[in-house]
Amino acid sequence: MKKVVIPDEIEHLAAQTVNAALTVLRSIGPGLLESAYQECLAIELSLAGLKLEREKMLPLTYRGQAIENAYRLDLIINRQLLIELKAVEAIRPIHRVQVTTYLKLLKLPLGLLINFNVPLIKYGITRVLNLDFQNSV
């Protein structure tokens, strides 16, 4: 199995994101729509001085045909870390597959899948690695 080496800068962004998600969940609690958490998390991350791309549309090429707006990404932080947000009863395998596909298309090493429908944020954080990332060892 390949080992993906995550650069320290991206690990730092991930830690900042987890701390921001903790602040959001402590402030407003579980049970809201994903869009509310996205707005609040974006505020926290912006206050931390991070550059955000929200609701970024990602095209797809299929059989030589460009499909514009094939995917909508929740957040990309500093063009290095993908964040996919959920407010669901439980993270399902399809959610992990979705993030993995996004990471491969973006050529990013790491994504965080964050479910805000949890009592403690530590139960809602899933790290997803791109095992095809070019800096693999």
N, C-alpha and C. Protein backbone atom coordinates (compact mmCIF):
# COMPACT_ATOMS: atom_id res chain seq x y z
N MET A 1 0.84 -1.18 0.00
CA MET A 1 0.00 0.00 0.00
C MET A 1 0.89 1.24 0.00
N LYS A 2 0.51 2.21 -0.81
CA LYS A 2 1.27 3.45 -0.89
C LYS A 2 1.12 4.26 0.38
N LYS A 3 2.17 4.98 0.69
CA LYS A 3 2.11 5.91 1.82
C LYS A 3 2.09 7.32 1.24
N VAL A 4 1.10 8.08 1.64
CA VAL A 4 1.00 9.46 1.19
C VAL A 4 1.62 10.36 2.25
N VAL A 5 2.56 11.17 1.84
CA VAL A 5 3.21 12.11 2.74
C VAL A 5 2.47 13.45 2.61
N ILE A 6 1.87 13.87 3.70
CA ILE A 6 1.14 15.12 3.71
C ILE A 6 2.09 16.23 4.15
N PRO A 7 2.28 17.25 3.32
CA PRO A 7 3.17 18.35 3.71
C PRO A 7 2.71 19.00 5.03
N ASP A 8 3.67 19.46 5.81
CA ASP A 8 3.38 20.09 7.11
C ASP A 8 2.40 21.25 6.98
N GLU A 9 2.54 22.03 5.92
CA GLU A 9 1.65 23.17 5.71
C GLU A 9 0.19 22.73 5.60
N ILE A 10 -0.04 21.62 4.92
CA ILE A 10 -1.41 21.11 4.77
C ILE A 10 -1.90 20.53 6.09
N GLU A 11 -1.03 19.86 6.82
CA GLU A 11 -1.40 19.35 8.15
C GLU A 11 -1.80 20.50 9.06
N HIS A 12 -1.07 21.61 8.96
CA HIS A 12 -1.40 22.79 9.77
C HIS A 12 -2.77 23.34 9.37
N LEU A 13 -3.05 23.40 8.09
CA LEU A 13 -4.37 23.85 7.62
C LEU A 13 -5.47 22.92 8.14
N ALA A 14 -5.20 21.63 8.14
CA ALA A 14 -6.18 20.66 8.64
C ALA A 14 -6.44 20.89 10.12
N ALA A 15 -5.39 21.13 10.89
CA ALA A 15 -5.56 21.38 12.33
C ALA A 15 -6.36 22.67 12.57
N GLN A 16 -6.07 23.71 11.79
CA GLN A 16 -6.82 24.96 11.92
C GLN A 16 -8.30 24.73 11.58
N THR A 17 -8.54 23.91 10.58
CA THR A 17 -9.92 23.63 10.17
C THR A 17 -10.66 22.86 11.25
N VAL A 18 -10.02 21.87 11.84
CA VAL A 18 -10.65 21.10 12.91
C VAL A 18 -10.97 22.02 14.09
N ASN A 19 -10.05 22.90 14.44
CA ASN A 19 -10.30 23.84 15.54
C ASN A 19 -11.46 24.78 15.21
N ALA A 20 -11.53 25.22 13.97
CA ALA A 20 -12.63 26.10 13.56
C ALA A 20 -13.96 25.34 13.60
N ALA A 21 -13.95 24.08 13.17
CA ALA A 21 -15.18 23.27 13.22
C ALA A 21 -15.62 23.05 14.66
N LEU A 22 -14.67 22.84 15.55
CA LEU A 22 -14.97 22.70 16.98
C LEU A 22 -15.64 23.96 17.50
N THR A 23 -15.11 25.11 17.15
CA THR A 23 -15.69 26.39 17.57
C THR A 23 -17.12 26.53 17.06
N VAL A 24 -17.34 26.18 15.80
CA VAL A 24 -18.68 26.28 15.20
C VAL A 24 -19.65 25.36 15.92
N LEU A 25 -19.28 24.10 16.10
CA LEU A 25 -20.20 23.15 16.73
C LEU A 25 -20.50 23.54 18.18
N ARG A 26 -19.48 24.02 18.90
CA ARG A 26 -19.71 24.47 20.28
C ARG A 26 -20.65 25.68 20.32
N SER A 27 -20.54 26.53 19.31
CA SER A 27 -21.34 27.76 19.27
C SER A 27 -22.79 27.52 18.90
N ILE A 28 -23.03 26.70 17.87
CA ILE A 28 -24.41 26.57 17.38
C ILE A 28 -25.01 25.18 17.55
N GLY A 29 -24.18 24.18 17.89
CA GLY A 29 -24.69 22.85 18.15
C GLY A 29 -25.08 22.07 16.91
N PRO A 30 -25.40 20.79 17.09
CA PRO A 30 -25.82 19.95 15.97
C PRO A 30 -27.28 20.20 15.59
N GLY A 31 -27.68 19.68 14.44
CA GLY A 31 -29.09 19.69 14.06
C GLY A 31 -29.49 20.72 13.03
N LEU A 32 -28.54 21.51 12.54
CA LEU A 32 -28.86 22.52 11.52
C LEU A 32 -28.55 21.98 10.13
N LEU A 33 -28.89 22.76 9.12
CA LEU A 33 -28.58 22.38 7.75
C LEU A 33 -27.10 22.57 7.45
N GLU A 34 -26.61 21.79 6.51
CA GLU A 34 -25.21 21.87 6.10
C GLU A 34 -24.83 23.30 5.70
N SER A 35 -25.73 24.00 5.04
CA SER A 35 -25.44 25.36 4.58
C SER A 35 -25.14 26.31 5.75
N ALA A 36 -25.79 26.13 6.86
CA ALA A 36 -25.52 26.97 8.04
C ALA A 36 -24.11 26.72 8.55
N TYR A 37 -23.72 25.45 8.61
CA TYR A 37 -22.37 25.11 9.08
C TYR A 37 -21.32 25.64 8.10
N GLN A 38 -21.61 25.57 6.82
CA GLN A 38 -20.67 26.07 5.83
C GLN A 38 -20.43 27.56 6.01
N GLU A 39 -21.50 28.31 6.22
CA GLU A 39 -21.37 29.76 6.43
C GLU A 39 -20.55 30.06 7.68
N CYS A 40 -20.87 29.38 8.77
CA CYS A 40 -20.16 29.62 10.03
C CYS A 40 -18.70 29.20 9.95
N LEU A 41 -18.44 28.05 9.34
CA LEU A 41 -17.05 27.60 9.20
C LEU A 41 -16.26 28.56 8.32
N ALA A 42 -16.88 29.05 7.26
CA ALA A 42 -16.21 30.01 6.39
C ALA A 42 -15.84 31.28 7.17
N ILE A 43 -16.72 31.72 8.04
CA ILE A 43 -16.41 32.90 8.87
C ILE A 43 -15.21 32.61 9.76
N GLU A 44 -15.22 31.47 10.44
CA GLU A 44 -14.11 31.12 11.34
C GLU A 44 -12.79 31.03 10.59
N LEU A 45 -12.80 30.38 9.44
CA LEU A 45 -11.57 30.21 8.67
C LEU A 45 -11.08 31.54 8.10
N SER A 46 -12.00 32.38 7.69
CA SER A 46 -11.62 33.72 7.20
C SER A 46 -11.02 34.56 8.32
N LEU A 47 -11.60 34.47 9.52
CA LEU A 47 -11.06 35.20 10.66
C LEU A 47 -9.64 34.72 11.00
N ALA A 48 -9.34 33.48 10.66
CA ALA A 48 -8.00 32.93 10.89
C ALA A 48 -7.03 33.35 9.78
N GLY A 49 -7.53 34.11 8.81
CA GLY A 49 -6.66 34.61 7.74
C GLY A 49 -6.46 33.65 6.58
N LEU A 50 -7.29 32.62 6.47
CA LEU A 50 -7.13 31.65 5.39
C LEU A 50 -7.91 32.07 4.16
N LYS A 51 -7.40 31.70 2.99
CA LYS A 51 -8.08 31.97 1.73
C LYS A 51 -9.03 30.82 1.44
N LEU A 52 -10.28 31.17 1.15
CA LEU A 52 -11.29 30.15 0.91
C LEU A 52 -11.86 30.25 -0.49
N GLU A 53 -12.11 29.09 -1.06
CA GLU A 53 -12.92 29.00 -2.27
C GLU A 53 -14.16 28.22 -1.84
N ARG A 54 -15.32 28.84 -2.02
CA ARG A 54 -16.56 28.22 -1.57
C ARG A 54 -17.42 27.86 -2.76
N GLU A 55 -18.05 26.69 -2.65
CA GLU A 55 -18.97 26.23 -3.70
C GLU A 55 -18.29 26.25 -5.07
N LYS A 56 -17.02 25.89 -5.09
CA LYS A 56 -16.27 25.90 -6.35
C LYS A 56 -16.80 24.82 -7.28
N MET A 57 -17.07 25.22 -8.51
CA MET A 57 -17.54 24.27 -9.51
C MET A 57 -16.33 23.60 -10.14
N LEU A 58 -16.43 22.30 -10.31
CA LEU A 58 -15.33 21.52 -10.87
C LEU A 58 -15.81 20.86 -12.15
N PRO A 59 -15.15 21.14 -13.27
CA PRO A 59 -15.57 20.51 -14.52
C PRO A 59 -15.05 19.07 -14.61
N LEU A 60 -15.60 18.35 -15.54
CA LEU A 60 -15.22 16.96 -15.78
C LEU A 60 -15.12 16.78 -17.29
N THR A 61 -14.12 16.04 -17.73
CA THR A 61 -14.03 15.70 -19.13
C THR A 61 -14.38 14.23 -19.28
N TYR A 62 -15.35 13.98 -20.13
CA TYR A 62 -15.80 12.61 -20.37
C TYR A 62 -15.83 12.37 -21.87
N ARG A 63 -15.06 11.39 -22.32
CA ARG A 63 -14.96 11.05 -23.74
C ARG A 63 -14.66 12.28 -24.60
N GLY A 64 -13.76 13.08 -24.05
CA GLY A 64 -13.33 14.26 -24.77
C GLY A 64 -14.29 15.44 -24.71
N GLN A 65 -15.38 15.28 -24.01
CA GLN A 65 -16.37 16.34 -23.89
C GLN A 65 -16.26 16.98 -22.50
N ALA A 66 -16.21 18.30 -22.49
CA ALA A 66 -16.15 19.02 -21.21
C ALA A 66 -17.55 19.14 -20.64
N ILE A 67 -17.69 18.76 -19.39
CA ILE A 67 -18.94 18.92 -18.66
C ILE A 67 -18.68 19.97 -17.59
N GLU A 68 -19.14 21.18 -17.86
CA GLU A 68 -18.94 22.26 -16.90
C GLU A 68 -19.82 22.02 -15.68
N ASN A 69 -19.34 22.45 -14.54
CA ASN A 69 -20.12 22.38 -13.30
C ASN A 69 -20.57 20.96 -12.97
N ALA A 70 -19.71 19.99 -13.19
CA ALA A 70 -20.04 18.60 -12.89
C ALA A 70 -20.09 18.34 -11.39
N TYR A 71 -19.26 19.06 -10.64
CA TYR A 71 -19.19 18.89 -9.19
C TYR A 71 -19.14 20.25 -8.53
N ARG A 72 -19.67 20.32 -7.33
CA ARG A 72 -19.58 21.55 -6.53
C ARG A 72 -18.88 21.19 -5.23
N LEU A 73 -17.72 21.80 -5.03
CA LEU A 73 -16.92 21.54 -3.84
C LEU A 73 -17.30 22.50 -2.73
N ASP A 74 -17.45 22.01 -1.53
CA ASP A 74 -17.87 22.88 -0.42
C ASP A 74 -16.83 23.96 -0.14
N LEU A 75 -15.62 23.55 0.22
CA LEU A 75 -14.56 24.51 0.55
C LEU A 75 -13.20 23.98 0.10
N ILE A 76 -12.39 24.88 -0.39
CA ILE A 76 -10.98 24.58 -0.62
C ILE A 76 -10.21 25.68 0.12
N ILE A 77 -9.30 25.27 0.97
CA ILE A 77 -8.55 26.22 1.79
C ILE A 77 -7.14 26.39 1.24
N ASN A 78 -6.79 27.64 0.98
CA ASN A 78 -5.46 27.99 0.46
C ASN A 78 -5.06 27.14 -0.74
N ARG A 79 -6.04 26.71 -1.50
CA ARG A 79 -5.83 25.87 -2.70
C ARG A 79 -5.06 24.59 -2.39
N GLN A 80 -5.12 24.14 -1.13
CA GLN A 80 -4.34 22.98 -0.73
C GLN A 80 -5.14 21.90 0.01
N LEU A 81 -6.26 22.28 0.59
CA LEU A 81 -7.00 21.35 1.44
C LEU A 81 -8.48 21.39 1.07
N LEU A 82 -9.04 20.23 0.76
CA LEU A 82 -10.45 20.11 0.42
C LEU A 82 -11.26 19.83 1.69
N ILE A 83 -12.36 20.54 1.83
CA ILE A 83 -13.28 20.31 2.96
C ILE A 83 -14.65 19.99 2.38
N GLU A 84 -15.19 18.85 2.74
CA GLU A 84 -16.54 18.46 2.35
C GLU A 84 -17.37 18.38 3.62
N LEU A 85 -18.46 19.13 3.65
CA LEU A 85 -19.28 19.23 4.85
C LEU A 85 -20.56 18.40 4.71
N LYS A 86 -20.96 17.83 5.83
CA LYS A 86 -22.21 17.07 5.91
C LYS A 86 -22.91 17.42 7.22
N ALA A 87 -24.20 17.21 7.22
CA ALA A 87 -25.00 17.29 8.45
C ALA A 87 -25.96 16.12 8.37
N VAL A 88 -25.40 14.92 8.53
CA VAL A 88 -26.14 13.68 8.32
C VAL A 88 -26.06 12.79 9.56
N GLU A 89 -26.92 11.79 9.61
CA GLU A 89 -26.93 10.88 10.75
C GLU A 89 -25.60 10.16 10.90
N ALA A 90 -25.04 9.74 9.77
CA ALA A 90 -23.75 9.03 9.80
C ALA A 90 -23.06 9.19 8.45
N ILE A 91 -21.74 9.24 8.49
CA ILE A 91 -20.96 9.26 7.27
C ILE A 91 -21.03 7.86 6.66
N ARG A 92 -21.33 7.82 5.39
CA ARG A 92 -21.46 6.56 4.65
C ARG A 92 -20.24 6.38 3.74
N PRO A 93 -20.00 5.16 3.29
CA PRO A 93 -18.88 4.94 2.37
C PRO A 93 -18.93 5.82 1.12
N ILE A 94 -20.11 6.11 0.61
CA ILE A 94 -20.22 6.94 -0.59
C ILE A 94 -19.68 8.35 -0.34
N HIS A 95 -19.80 8.85 0.88
CA HIS A 95 -19.25 10.16 1.20
C HIS A 95 -17.73 10.16 1.09
N ARG A 96 -17.10 9.09 1.57
CA ARG A 96 -15.64 8.97 1.48
C ARG A 96 -15.21 8.85 0.01
N VAL A 97 -15.97 8.06 -0.75
CA VAL A 97 -15.66 7.89 -2.18
C VAL A 97 -15.77 9.23 -2.90
N GLN A 98 -16.77 10.01 -2.58
CA GLN A 98 -16.96 11.34 -3.17
C GLN A 98 -15.73 12.20 -2.92
N VAL A 99 -15.27 12.26 -1.69
CA VAL A 99 -14.10 13.08 -1.35
C VAL A 99 -12.86 12.54 -2.05
N THR A 100 -12.70 11.24 -2.10
CA THR A 100 -11.55 10.64 -2.79
C THR A 100 -11.54 11.04 -4.26
N THR A 101 -12.68 11.00 -4.90
CA THR A 101 -12.77 11.39 -6.32
C THR A 101 -12.40 12.85 -6.49
N TYR A 102 -12.93 13.72 -5.63
CA TYR A 102 -12.60 15.14 -5.70
C TYR A 102 -11.09 15.35 -5.55
N LEU A 103 -10.48 14.66 -4.59
CA LEU A 103 -9.04 14.81 -4.36
C LEU A 103 -8.25 14.40 -5.60
N LYS A 104 -8.65 13.32 -6.23
CA LYS A 104 -7.95 12.87 -7.45
C LYS A 104 -8.10 13.89 -8.57
N LEU A 105 -9.30 14.41 -8.75
CA LEU A 105 -9.52 15.40 -9.81
C LEU A 105 -8.75 16.68 -9.55
N LEU A 106 -8.63 17.06 -8.28
CA LEU A 106 -7.92 18.29 -7.91
C LEU A 106 -6.41 18.08 -7.74
N LYS A 107 -5.99 16.81 -7.68
CA LYS A 107 -4.59 16.46 -7.42
C LYS A 107 -4.12 17.01 -6.07
N LEU A 108 -4.98 16.83 -5.06
CA LEU A 108 -4.65 17.22 -3.69
C LEU A 108 -4.42 15.96 -2.86
N PRO A 109 -3.57 16.04 -1.83
CA PRO A 109 -3.27 14.85 -1.03
C PRO A 109 -4.28 14.53 0.07
N LEU A 110 -5.00 15.56 0.58
CA LEU A 110 -5.80 15.36 1.78
C LEU A 110 -7.10 16.14 1.70
N GLY A 111 -8.14 15.50 2.19
CA GLY A 111 -9.43 16.16 2.35
C GLY A 111 -9.99 15.83 3.72
N LEU A 112 -10.77 16.75 4.25
CA LEU A 112 -11.47 16.49 5.51
C LEU A 112 -12.96 16.41 5.22
N LEU A 113 -13.55 15.34 5.65
CA LEU A 113 -15.00 15.14 5.58
C LEU A 113 -15.51 15.43 6.98
N ILE A 114 -16.30 16.50 7.10
CA ILE A 114 -16.73 16.95 8.42
C ILE A 114 -18.25 16.84 8.52
N ASN A 115 -18.70 16.02 9.47
CA ASN A 115 -20.12 15.87 9.75
C ASN A 115 -20.43 16.64 11.03
N PHE A 116 -21.33 17.62 10.91
CA PHE A 116 -21.68 18.44 12.07
C PHE A 116 -22.85 17.87 12.87
N ASN A 117 -23.41 16.78 12.44
CA ASN A 117 -24.54 16.20 13.18
C ASN A 117 -24.02 15.18 14.21
N VAL A 118 -23.16 15.67 15.08
CA VAL A 118 -22.53 14.84 16.11
C VAL A 118 -22.49 15.62 17.42
N PRO A 119 -22.43 14.92 18.57
CA PRO A 119 -22.37 15.64 19.84
C PRO A 119 -21.00 16.29 20.07
N LEU A 120 -19.93 15.65 19.60
CA LEU A 120 -18.56 16.17 19.72
C LEU A 120 -17.91 16.11 18.34
N ILE A 121 -17.23 17.17 17.95
CA ILE A 121 -16.68 17.26 16.60
C ILE A 121 -15.68 16.14 16.31
N LYS A 122 -15.00 15.62 17.33
CA LYS A 122 -14.03 14.55 17.08
C LYS A 122 -14.70 13.32 16.47
N TYR A 123 -15.99 13.15 16.68
CA TYR A 123 -16.72 12.04 16.08
C TYR A 123 -17.15 12.34 14.65
N GLY A 124 -17.01 13.59 14.24
CA GLY A 124 -17.48 13.99 12.92
C GLY A 124 -16.38 14.24 11.90
N ILE A 125 -15.13 14.06 12.28
CA ILE A 125 -14.01 14.35 11.38
C ILE A 125 -13.49 13.05 10.77
N THR A 126 -13.44 13.03 9.45
CA THR A 126 -12.85 11.90 8.73
C THR A 126 -11.78 12.45 7.79
N ARG A 127 -10.56 11.97 7.96
CA ARG A 127 -9.47 12.33 7.03
C ARG A 127 -9.54 11.38 5.85
N VAL A 128 -9.46 11.95 4.66
CA VAL A 128 -9.48 11.15 3.43
C VAL A 128 -8.21 11.46 2.66
N LEU A 129 -7.43 10.42 2.37
CA LEU A 129 -6.17 10.58 1.65
C LEU A 129 -6.34 10.22 0.18
N ASN A 130 -5.63 10.93 -0.66
CA ASN A 130 -5.55 10.60 -2.08
C ASN A 130 -4.34 9.69 -2.25
N LEU A 131 -4.56 8.41 -2.37
CA LEU A 131 -3.46 7.45 -2.47
C LEU A 131 -2.73 7.55 -3.81
N ASP A 132 -3.30 8.29 -4.75
CA ASP A 132 -2.65 8.50 -6.04
C ASP A 132 -1.89 9.82 -6.10
N PHE A 133 -1.79 10.51 -4.95
CA PHE A 133 -1.12 11.80 -4.93
C PHE A 133 0.32 11.64 -5.42
N GLN A 134 0.79 12.58 -6.21
CA GLN A 134 2.09 12.48 -6.87
C GLN A 134 3.27 12.44 -5.92
N ASN A 135 3.14 12.89 -4.70
CA ASN A 135 4.27 12.84 -3.76
C ASN A 135 4.25 11.58 -2.92
N SER A 136 3.59 10.54 -3.40
CA SER A 136 3.54 9.27 -2.67
C SER A 136 4.92 8.66 -2.57
N VAL A 137 5.13 7.94 -1.47
CA VAL A 137 6.42 7.29 -1.24
C VAL A 137 6.30 5.83 -1.62
